Each structure stands twice: as structure tokens, then as C-alpha cells.
Full PDB file with SEQRES, HELIX, SHEET, SSBOND, CRYST1, ORIGX, SCALE, CONECT and MASTER records, all heavy atoms in Angstrom:
SEQRES   1 A   29  LYS MET CYS ASP THR LEU ASN LEU LYS PHE MET ALA GLU          
SEQRES   2 A   29  VAL GLN THR THR LYS GLY LEU LEU LYS GLU HIS TYR PHE          
SEQRES   3 A   29  PHE LEU ALA                                                  
HELIX    1 AA1 MET A    2  VAL A   14  1                                  13    
HELIX    2 AA2 LYS A   22  LEU A   28  1                                   7    
CRYST1    1.000    1.000    1.000  90.00  90.00  90.00 P 1           1          
ORIGX1      1.000000  0.000000  0.000000        0.00000                         
ORIGX2      0.000000  1.000000  0.000000        0.00000                         
ORIGX3      0.000000  0.000000  1.000000        0.00000                         
SCALE1      1.000000  0.000000  0.000000        0.00000                         
SCALE2      0.000000  1.000000  0.000000        0.00000                         
SCALE3      0.000000  0.000000  1.000000        0.00000                         
ATOM      1  N   LYS A   1      -9.905  -8.334   5.434  1.00  0.00           N  
ATOM      2  CA  LYS A   1      -9.208  -9.390   6.168  1.00  0.00           C  
ATOM      3  C   LYS A   1      -9.924 -10.732   5.993  1.00  0.00           C  
ATOM      4  O   LYS A   1      -9.296 -11.784   5.871  1.00  0.00           O  
ATOM      5  CB  LYS A   1      -9.128  -9.019   7.655  1.00  0.00           C  
ATOM      6  CG  LYS A   1      -8.040  -9.742   8.422  1.00  0.00           C  
ATOM      7  CD  LYS A   1      -7.847  -9.144   9.800  1.00  0.00           C  
ATOM      8  CE  LYS A   1      -6.753  -9.893  10.556  1.00  0.00           C  
ATOM      9  NZ  LYS A   1      -6.556  -9.337  11.919  1.00  0.00           N  
ATOM     10  N   MET A   2     -11.255 -10.694   5.957  1.00  0.00           N  
ATOM     11  CA  MET A   2     -12.036 -11.904   5.704  1.00  0.00           C  
ATOM     12  C   MET A   2     -11.735 -12.448   4.302  1.00  0.00           C  
ATOM     13  O   MET A   2     -11.601 -13.660   4.110  1.00  0.00           O  
ATOM     14  CB  MET A   2     -13.527 -11.598   5.850  1.00  0.00           C  
ATOM     15  CG  MET A   2     -14.450 -12.742   5.433  1.00  0.00           C  
ATOM     16  SD  MET A   2     -14.218 -14.249   6.397  1.00  0.00           S  
ATOM     17  CE  MET A   2     -15.039 -13.780   7.928  1.00  0.00           C  
ATOM     18  N   CYS A   3     -11.616 -11.553   3.316  1.00  0.00           N  
ATOM     19  CA  CYS A   3     -11.295 -11.980   1.947  1.00  0.00           C  
ATOM     20  C   CYS A   3      -9.963 -12.731   1.919  1.00  0.00           C  
ATOM     21  O   CYS A   3      -9.858 -13.790   1.286  1.00  0.00           O  
ATOM     22  CB  CYS A   3     -11.226 -10.775   1.018  1.00  0.00           C  
ATOM     23  SG  CYS A   3     -12.825 -10.027   0.667  1.00  0.00           S  
ATOM     24  N   ASP A   4      -8.962 -12.181   2.590  1.00  0.00           N  
ATOM     25  CA  ASP A   4      -7.648 -12.840   2.634  1.00  0.00           C  
ATOM     26  C   ASP A   4      -7.763 -14.231   3.259  1.00  0.00           C  
ATOM     27  O   ASP A   4      -7.156 -15.186   2.777  1.00  0.00           O  
ATOM     28  CB  ASP A   4      -6.654 -11.998   3.452  1.00  0.00           C  
ATOM     29  CG  ASP A   4      -6.270 -10.708   2.749  1.00  0.00           C  
ATOM     30  OD1 ASP A   4      -6.461 -10.630   1.513  1.00  0.00           O  
ATOM     31  OD2 ASP A   4      -5.796  -9.780   3.435  1.00  0.00           O  
ATOM     32  N   THR A   5      -8.547 -14.331   4.323  1.00  0.00           N  
ATOM     33  CA  THR A   5      -8.718 -15.607   5.017  1.00  0.00           C  
ATOM     34  C   THR A   5      -9.420 -16.635   4.128  1.00  0.00           C  
ATOM     35  O   THR A   5      -8.990 -17.787   4.037  1.00  0.00           O  
ATOM     36  CB  THR A   5      -9.526 -15.396   6.319  1.00  0.00           C  
ATOM     37  OG1 THR A   5      -8.793 -14.523   7.180  1.00  0.00           O  
ATOM     38  CG2 THR A   5      -9.786 -16.709   7.033  1.00  0.00           C  
ATOM     39  N   LEU A   6     -10.508 -16.219   3.471  1.00  0.00           N  
ATOM     40  CA  LEU A   6     -11.237 -17.135   2.585  1.00  0.00           C  
ATOM     41  C   LEU A   6     -10.354 -17.590   1.427  1.00  0.00           C  
ATOM     42  O   LEU A   6     -10.394 -18.753   1.023  1.00  0.00           O  
ATOM     43  CB  LEU A   6     -12.499 -16.463   2.046  1.00  0.00           C  
ATOM     44  CG  LEU A   6     -13.600 -16.144   3.071  1.00  0.00           C  
ATOM     45  CD1 LEU A   6     -14.739 -15.373   2.411  1.00  0.00           C  
ATOM     46  CD2 LEU A   6     -14.124 -17.409   3.732  1.00  0.00           C  
ATOM     47  N   ASN A   7      -9.545 -16.683   0.898  1.00  0.00           N  
ATOM     48  CA  ASN A   7      -8.660 -17.023  -0.211  1.00  0.00           C  
ATOM     49  C   ASN A   7      -7.601 -18.041   0.219  1.00  0.00           C  
ATOM     50  O   ASN A   7      -7.362 -19.038  -0.472  1.00  0.00           O  
ATOM     51  CB  ASN A   7      -7.987 -15.758  -0.743  1.00  0.00           C  
ATOM     52  CG  ASN A   7      -7.137 -16.030  -1.966  1.00  0.00           C  
ATOM     53  OD1 ASN A   7      -7.553 -16.703  -2.891  1.00  0.00           O  
ATOM     54  ND2 ASN A   7      -5.914 -15.522  -1.962  1.00  0.00           N  
ATOM     55  N   LEU A   8      -6.966 -17.790   1.359  1.00  0.00           N  
ATOM     56  CA  LEU A   8      -5.951 -18.722   1.856  1.00  0.00           C  
ATOM     57  C   LEU A   8      -6.555 -20.091   2.149  1.00  0.00           C  
ATOM     58  O   LEU A   8      -5.958 -21.125   1.837  1.00  0.00           O  
ATOM     59  CB  LEU A   8      -5.294 -18.149   3.126  1.00  0.00           C  
ATOM     60  CG  LEU A   8      -4.362 -16.947   2.919  1.00  0.00           C  
ATOM     61  CD1 LEU A   8      -3.963 -16.349   4.260  1.00  0.00           C  
ATOM     62  CD2 LEU A   8      -3.129 -17.358   2.124  1.00  0.00           C  
ATOM     63  N   LYS A   9      -7.746 -20.087   2.736  1.00  0.00           N  
ATOM     64  CA  LYS A   9      -8.436 -21.344   3.042  1.00  0.00           C  
ATOM     65  C   LYS A   9      -8.762 -22.097   1.759  1.00  0.00           C  
ATOM     66  O   LYS A   9      -8.554 -23.321   1.666  1.00  0.00           O  
ATOM     67  CB  LYS A   9      -9.726 -21.050   3.829  1.00  0.00           C  
ATOM     68  CG  LYS A   9     -10.540 -22.288   4.215  1.00  0.00           C  
ATOM     69  CD  LYS A   9      -9.819 -23.131   5.240  1.00  0.00           C  
ATOM     70  CE  LYS A   9     -10.692 -24.263   5.732  1.00  0.00           C  
ATOM     71  NZ  LYS A   9      -9.942 -25.208   6.599  1.00  0.00           N  
ATOM     72  N   PHE A  10      -9.258 -21.378   0.763  1.00  0.00           N  
ATOM     73  CA  PHE A  10      -9.639 -22.011  -0.507  1.00  0.00           C  
ATOM     74  C   PHE A  10      -8.419 -22.641  -1.175  1.00  0.00           C  
ATOM     75  O   PHE A  10      -8.450 -23.805  -1.582  1.00  0.00           O  
ATOM     76  CB  PHE A  10     -10.281 -20.971  -1.433  1.00  0.00           C  
ATOM     77  CG  PHE A  10     -10.909 -21.557  -2.668  1.00  0.00           C  
ATOM     78  CD1 PHE A  10     -12.253 -21.888  -2.680  1.00  0.00           C  
ATOM     79  CD2 PHE A  10     -10.157 -21.794  -3.808  1.00  0.00           C  
ATOM     80  CE1 PHE A  10     -12.846 -22.445  -3.818  1.00  0.00           C  
ATOM     81  CE2 PHE A  10     -10.731 -22.351  -4.948  1.00  0.00           C  
ATOM     82  CZ  PHE A  10     -12.077 -22.669  -4.945  1.00  0.00           C  
ATOM     83  N   MET A  11      -7.346 -21.892  -1.276  1.00  0.00           N  
ATOM     84  CA  MET A  11      -6.153 -22.391  -1.958  1.00  0.00           C  
ATOM     85  C   MET A  11      -5.530 -23.573  -1.220  1.00  0.00           C  
ATOM     86  O   MET A  11      -5.065 -24.531  -1.839  1.00  0.00           O  
ATOM     87  CB  MET A  11      -5.128 -21.264  -2.119  1.00  0.00           C  
ATOM     88  CG  MET A  11      -5.576 -20.182  -3.085  1.00  0.00           C  
ATOM     89  SD  MET A  11      -4.462 -18.755  -3.134  1.00  0.00           S  
ATOM     90  CE  MET A  11      -3.044 -19.457  -3.972  1.00  0.00           C  
ATOM     91  N   ALA A  12      -5.554 -23.516   0.112  1.00  0.00           N  
ATOM     92  CA  ALA A  12      -4.981 -24.606   0.903  1.00  0.00           C  
ATOM     93  C   ALA A  12      -5.820 -25.872   0.806  1.00  0.00           C  
ATOM     94  O   ALA A  12      -5.281 -26.974   0.635  1.00  0.00           O  
ATOM     95  CB  ALA A  12      -4.834 -24.167   2.367  1.00  0.00           C  
ATOM     96  N   GLU A  13      -7.137 -25.738   0.904  1.00  0.00           N  
ATOM     97  CA  GLU A  13      -8.027 -26.898   0.869  1.00  0.00           C  
ATOM     98  C   GLU A  13      -8.032 -27.562  -0.509  1.00  0.00           C  
ATOM     99  O   GLU A  13      -7.969 -28.783  -0.627  1.00  0.00           O  
ATOM    100  CB  GLU A  13      -9.457 -26.492   1.245  1.00  0.00           C  
ATOM    101  CG  GLU A  13      -9.691 -26.269   2.719  1.00  0.00           C  
ATOM    102  CD  GLU A  13      -9.804 -27.559   3.504  1.00  0.00           C  
ATOM    103  OE1 GLU A  13     -10.384 -28.534   2.998  1.00  0.00           O  
ATOM    104  OE2 GLU A  13      -9.299 -27.581   4.634  1.00  0.00           O  
ATOM    105  N   VAL A  14      -8.133 -26.732  -1.550  1.00  0.00           N  
ATOM    106  CA  VAL A  14      -8.239 -27.258  -2.913  1.00  0.00           C  
ATOM    107  C   VAL A  14      -6.861 -27.693  -3.437  1.00  0.00           C  
ATOM    108  O   VAL A  14      -6.770 -28.481  -4.369  1.00  0.00           O  
ATOM    109  CB  VAL A  14      -8.891 -26.213  -3.846  1.00  0.00           C  
ATOM    110  CG1 VAL A  14      -8.958 -26.696  -5.281  1.00  0.00           C  
ATOM    111  CG2 VAL A  14     -10.303 -25.866  -3.346  1.00  0.00           C  
ATOM    112  N   GLN A  15      -5.810 -27.164  -2.803  1.00  0.00           N  
ATOM    113  CA  GLN A  15      -4.438 -27.434  -3.259  1.00  0.00           C  
ATOM    114  C   GLN A  15      -4.227 -26.884  -4.670  1.00  0.00           C  
ATOM    115  O   GLN A  15      -3.854 -27.599  -5.604  1.00  0.00           O  
ATOM    116  CB  GLN A  15      -4.116 -28.933  -3.214  1.00  0.00           C  
ATOM    117  CG  GLN A  15      -4.051 -29.512  -1.797  1.00  0.00           C  
ATOM    118  CD  GLN A  15      -2.811 -29.061  -1.036  1.00  0.00           C  
ATOM    119  OE1 GLN A  15      -1.695 -29.468  -1.317  1.00  0.00           O  
ATOM    120  NE2 GLN A  15      -3.019 -28.189  -0.056  1.00  0.00           N  
ATOM    121  N   THR A  16      -4.496 -25.585  -4.811  1.00  0.00           N  
ATOM    122  CA  THR A  16      -4.353 -24.914  -6.092  1.00  0.00           C  
ATOM    123  C   THR A  16      -3.575 -23.620  -5.906  1.00  0.00           C  
ATOM    124  O   THR A  16      -3.562 -23.042  -4.812  1.00  0.00           O  
ATOM    125  CB  THR A  16      -5.739 -24.596  -6.702  1.00  0.00           C  
ATOM    126  OG1 THR A  16      -5.563 -23.933  -7.957  1.00  0.00           O  
ATOM    127  CG2 THR A  16      -6.563 -23.698  -5.786  1.00  0.00           C  
ATOM    128  N   THR A  17      -2.939 -23.175  -6.976  1.00  0.00           N  
ATOM    129  CA  THR A  17      -2.236 -21.888  -6.938  1.00  0.00           C  
ATOM    130  C   THR A  17      -3.125 -20.767  -7.462  1.00  0.00           C  
ATOM    131  O   THR A  17      -2.741 -19.605  -7.446  1.00  0.00           O  
ATOM    132  CB  THR A  17      -0.953 -21.936  -7.803  1.00  0.00           C  
ATOM    133  OG1 THR A  17      -1.311 -22.291  -9.148  1.00  0.00           O  
ATOM    134  CG2 THR A  17       0.022 -22.969  -7.254  1.00  0.00           C  
ATOM    135  N   LYS A  18      -4.317 -21.114  -7.942  1.00  0.00           N  
ATOM    136  CA  LYS A  18      -5.249 -20.124  -8.499  1.00  0.00           C  
ATOM    137  C   LYS A  18      -6.240 -19.703  -7.414  1.00  0.00           C  
ATOM    138  O   LYS A  18      -7.158 -20.450  -7.073  1.00  0.00           O  
ATOM    139  CB  LYS A  18      -5.984 -20.700  -9.714  1.00  0.00           C  
ATOM    140  CG  LYS A  18      -5.045 -21.128 -10.853  1.00  0.00           C  
ATOM    141  CD  LYS A  18      -4.339 -19.923 -11.452  1.00  0.00           C  
ATOM    142  CE  LYS A  18      -3.233 -20.336 -12.414  1.00  0.00           C  
ATOM    143  NZ  LYS A  18      -3.682 -21.104 -13.553  1.00  0.00           N  
ATOM    144  N   GLY A  19      -6.024 -18.510  -6.886  1.00  0.00           N  
ATOM    145  CA  GLY A  19      -6.868 -18.031  -5.801  1.00  0.00           C  
ATOM    146  C   GLY A  19      -8.107 -17.303  -6.286  1.00  0.00           C  
ATOM    147  O   GLY A  19      -8.437 -17.283  -7.479  1.00  0.00           O  
ATOM    148  N   LEU A  20      -8.795 -16.678  -5.338  1.00  0.00           N  
ATOM    149  CA  LEU A  20     -10.009 -15.930  -5.640  1.00  0.00           C  
ATOM    150  C   LEU A  20      -9.643 -14.585  -6.273  1.00  0.00           C  
ATOM    151  O   LEU A  20      -8.616 -13.996  -5.945  1.00  0.00           O  
ATOM    152  CB  LEU A  20     -10.830 -15.711  -4.374  1.00  0.00           C  
ATOM    153  CG  LEU A  20     -11.218 -16.972  -3.591  1.00  0.00           C  
ATOM    154  CD1 LEU A  20     -12.040 -16.591  -2.369  1.00  0.00           C  
ATOM    155  CD2 LEU A  20     -11.982 -17.938  -4.466  1.00  0.00           C  
ATOM    156  N   LEU A  21     -10.502 -14.108  -7.158  1.00  0.00           N  
ATOM    157  CA  LEU A  21     -10.289 -12.837  -7.856  1.00  0.00           C  
ATOM    158  C   LEU A  21     -11.213 -11.765  -7.266  1.00  0.00           C  
ATOM    159  O   LEU A  21     -12.146 -12.060  -6.530  1.00  0.00           O  
ATOM    160  CB  LEU A  21     -10.583 -13.012  -9.347  1.00  0.00           C  
ATOM    161  CG  LEU A  21      -9.814 -14.153 -10.037  1.00  0.00           C  
ATOM    162  CD1 LEU A  21     -10.319 -14.332 -11.470  1.00  0.00           C  
ATOM    163  CD2 LEU A  21      -8.321 -13.894 -10.015  1.00  0.00           C  
ATOM    164  N   LYS A  22     -10.953 -10.514  -7.627  1.00  0.00           N  
ATOM    165  CA  LYS A  22     -11.731  -9.423  -7.017  1.00  0.00           C  
ATOM    166  C   LYS A  22     -13.222  -9.536  -7.340  1.00  0.00           C  
ATOM    167  O   LYS A  22     -14.069  -9.173  -6.523  1.00  0.00           O  
ATOM    168  CB  LYS A  22     -11.188  -8.060  -7.431  1.00  0.00           C  
ATOM    169  CG  LYS A  22     -11.308  -7.713  -8.893  1.00  0.00           C  
ATOM    170  CD  LYS A  22     -10.754  -6.301  -9.143  1.00  0.00           C  
ATOM    171  CE  LYS A  22     -10.914  -5.909 -10.606  1.00  0.00           C  
ATOM    172  NZ  LYS A  22     -10.386  -4.538 -10.853  1.00  0.00           N  
ATOM    173  N   GLU A  23     -13.541 -10.065  -8.541  1.00  0.00           N  
ATOM    174  CA  GLU A  23     -14.964 -10.235  -8.865  1.00  0.00           C  
ATOM    175  C   GLU A  23     -15.607 -11.337  -8.011  1.00  0.00           C  
ATOM    176  O   GLU A  23     -16.799 -11.302  -7.728  1.00  0.00           O  
ATOM    177  CB  GLU A  23     -15.163 -10.534 -10.352  1.00  0.00           C  
ATOM    178  CG  GLU A  23     -14.323 -11.644 -10.909  1.00  0.00           C  
ATOM    179  CD  GLU A  23     -13.039 -11.152 -11.578  1.00  0.00           C  
ATOM    180  OE1 GLU A  23     -12.429 -10.193 -11.069  1.00  0.00           O  
ATOM    181  OE2 GLU A  23     -12.656 -11.743 -12.606  1.00  0.00           O  
ATOM    182  N   HIS A  24     -14.799 -12.325  -7.584  1.00  0.00           N  
ATOM    183  CA  HIS A  24     -15.292 -13.352  -6.667  1.00  0.00           C  
ATOM    184  C   HIS A  24     -15.594 -12.729  -5.302  1.00  0.00           C  
ATOM    185  O   HIS A  24     -16.613 -13.017  -4.684  1.00  0.00           O  
ATOM    186  CB  HIS A  24     -14.254 -14.468  -6.496  1.00  0.00           C  
ATOM    187  CG  HIS A  24     -13.965 -15.219  -7.763  1.00  0.00           C  
ATOM    188  ND1 HIS A  24     -12.737 -15.771  -8.039  1.00  0.00           N  
ATOM    189  CD2 HIS A  24     -14.751 -15.500  -8.831  1.00  0.00           C  
ATOM    190  CE1 HIS A  24     -12.774 -16.373  -9.225  1.00  0.00           C  
ATOM    191  NE2 HIS A  24     -13.984 -16.223  -9.715  1.00  0.00           N  
ATOM    192  N   TYR A  25     -14.670 -11.864  -4.831  1.00  0.00           N  
ATOM    193  CA  TYR A  25     -14.887 -11.197  -3.544  1.00  0.00           C  
ATOM    194  C   TYR A  25     -16.149 -10.338  -3.571  1.00  0.00           C  
ATOM    195  O   TYR A  25     -16.872 -10.234  -2.577  1.00  0.00           O  
ATOM    196  CB  TYR A  25     -13.691 -10.308  -3.183  1.00  0.00           C  
ATOM    197  CG  TYR A  25     -12.404 -11.052  -2.937  1.00  0.00           C  
ATOM    198  CD1 TYR A  25     -11.208 -10.603  -3.481  1.00  0.00           C  
ATOM    199  CD2 TYR A  25     -12.378 -12.200  -2.147  1.00  0.00           C  
ATOM    200  CE1 TYR A  25     -10.009 -11.271  -3.249  1.00  0.00           C  
ATOM    201  CE2 TYR A  25     -11.194 -12.876  -1.912  1.00  0.00           C  
ATOM    202  CZ  TYR A  25     -10.008 -12.407  -2.466  1.00  0.00           C  
ATOM    203  OH  TYR A  25      -8.833 -13.073  -2.232  1.00  0.00           O  
ATOM    204  N   PHE A  26     -16.397  -9.713  -4.720  1.00  0.00           N  
ATOM    205  CA  PHE A  26     -17.582  -8.861  -4.856  1.00  0.00           C  
ATOM    206  C   PHE A  26     -18.855  -9.685  -4.688  1.00  0.00           C  
ATOM    207  O   PHE A  26     -19.773  -9.306  -3.949  1.00  0.00           O  
ATOM    208  CB  PHE A  26     -17.560  -8.170  -6.220  1.00  0.00           C  
ATOM    209  CG  PHE A  26     -18.652  -7.151  -6.423  1.00  0.00           C  
ATOM    210  CD1 PHE A  26     -18.964  -6.231  -5.430  1.00  0.00           C  
ATOM    211  CD2 PHE A  26     -19.361  -7.101  -7.616  1.00  0.00           C  
ATOM    212  CE1 PHE A  26     -19.960  -5.271  -5.618  1.00  0.00           C  
ATOM    213  CE2 PHE A  26     -20.362  -6.156  -7.816  1.00  0.00           C  
ATOM    214  CZ  PHE A  26     -20.659  -5.250  -6.816  1.00  0.00           C  
ATOM    215  N   PHE A  27     -18.908 -10.840  -5.343  1.00  0.00           N  
ATOM    216  CA  PHE A  27     -20.060 -11.735  -5.204  1.00  0.00           C  
ATOM    217  C   PHE A  27     -20.205 -12.212  -3.759  1.00  0.00           C  
ATOM    218  O   PHE A  27     -21.315 -12.229  -3.204  1.00  0.00           O  
ATOM    219  CB  PHE A  27     -19.910 -12.930  -6.139  1.00  0.00           C  
ATOM    220  CG  PHE A  27     -20.859 -14.064  -5.838  1.00  0.00           C  
ATOM    221  CD1 PHE A  27     -22.200 -13.968  -6.172  1.00  0.00           C  
ATOM    222  CD2 PHE A  27     -20.414 -15.215  -5.206  1.00  0.00           C  
ATOM    223  CE1 PHE A  27     -23.082 -15.005  -5.879  1.00  0.00           C  
ATOM    224  CE2 PHE A  27     -21.287 -16.244  -4.908  1.00  0.00           C  
ATOM    225  CZ  PHE A  27     -22.620 -16.140  -5.246  1.00  0.00           C  
ATOM    226  N   LEU A  28     -19.095 -12.607  -3.129  1.00  0.00           N  
ATOM    227  CA  LEU A  28     -19.143 -13.099  -1.753  1.00  0.00           C  
ATOM    228  C   LEU A  28     -19.605 -12.002  -0.790  1.00  0.00           C  
ATOM    229  O   LEU A  28     -20.346 -12.267   0.163  1.00  0.00           O  
ATOM    230  CB  LEU A  28     -17.773 -13.630  -1.333  1.00  0.00           C  
ATOM    231  CG  LEU A  28     -17.312 -14.899  -2.068  1.00  0.00           C  
ATOM    232  CD1 LEU A  28     -15.849 -15.224  -1.728  1.00  0.00           C  
ATOM    233  CD2 LEU A  28     -18.197 -16.089  -1.713  1.00  0.00           C  
ATOM    234  N   ALA A  29     -19.180 -10.763  -1.054  1.00  0.00           N  
ATOM    235  CA  ALA A  29     -19.621  -9.641  -0.216  1.00  0.00           C  
ATOM    236  C   ALA A  29     -21.124  -9.427  -0.356  1.00  0.00           C  
ATOM    237  O   ALA A  29     -21.839  -9.236   0.639  1.00  0.00           O  
ATOM    238  CB  ALA A  29     -18.865  -8.369  -0.599  1.00  0.00           C  
TER     239      ALA A  29                                                      
MASTER        0    0    0    2    0    0    0    6  238    1    0    3          
END                                                                             
């Protein structure tokens, strides 16, 4: 659920359609 939140926040703030990938989530975890 945290991953979904960080992804939505990132895409909204940066104004991009390219979200975080599973390897990004792995690093963040």
C-alpha cells in the first residue's frame, strides 16, 4: 500500500505518466 502511495505521489508531483517500477520498489524497501 505504501508503494502505491509513493508511486501516485511521484507521478502527480513530477507530472509524468512513467511511474515507479518493481526494481525501484525493491530499492526503496
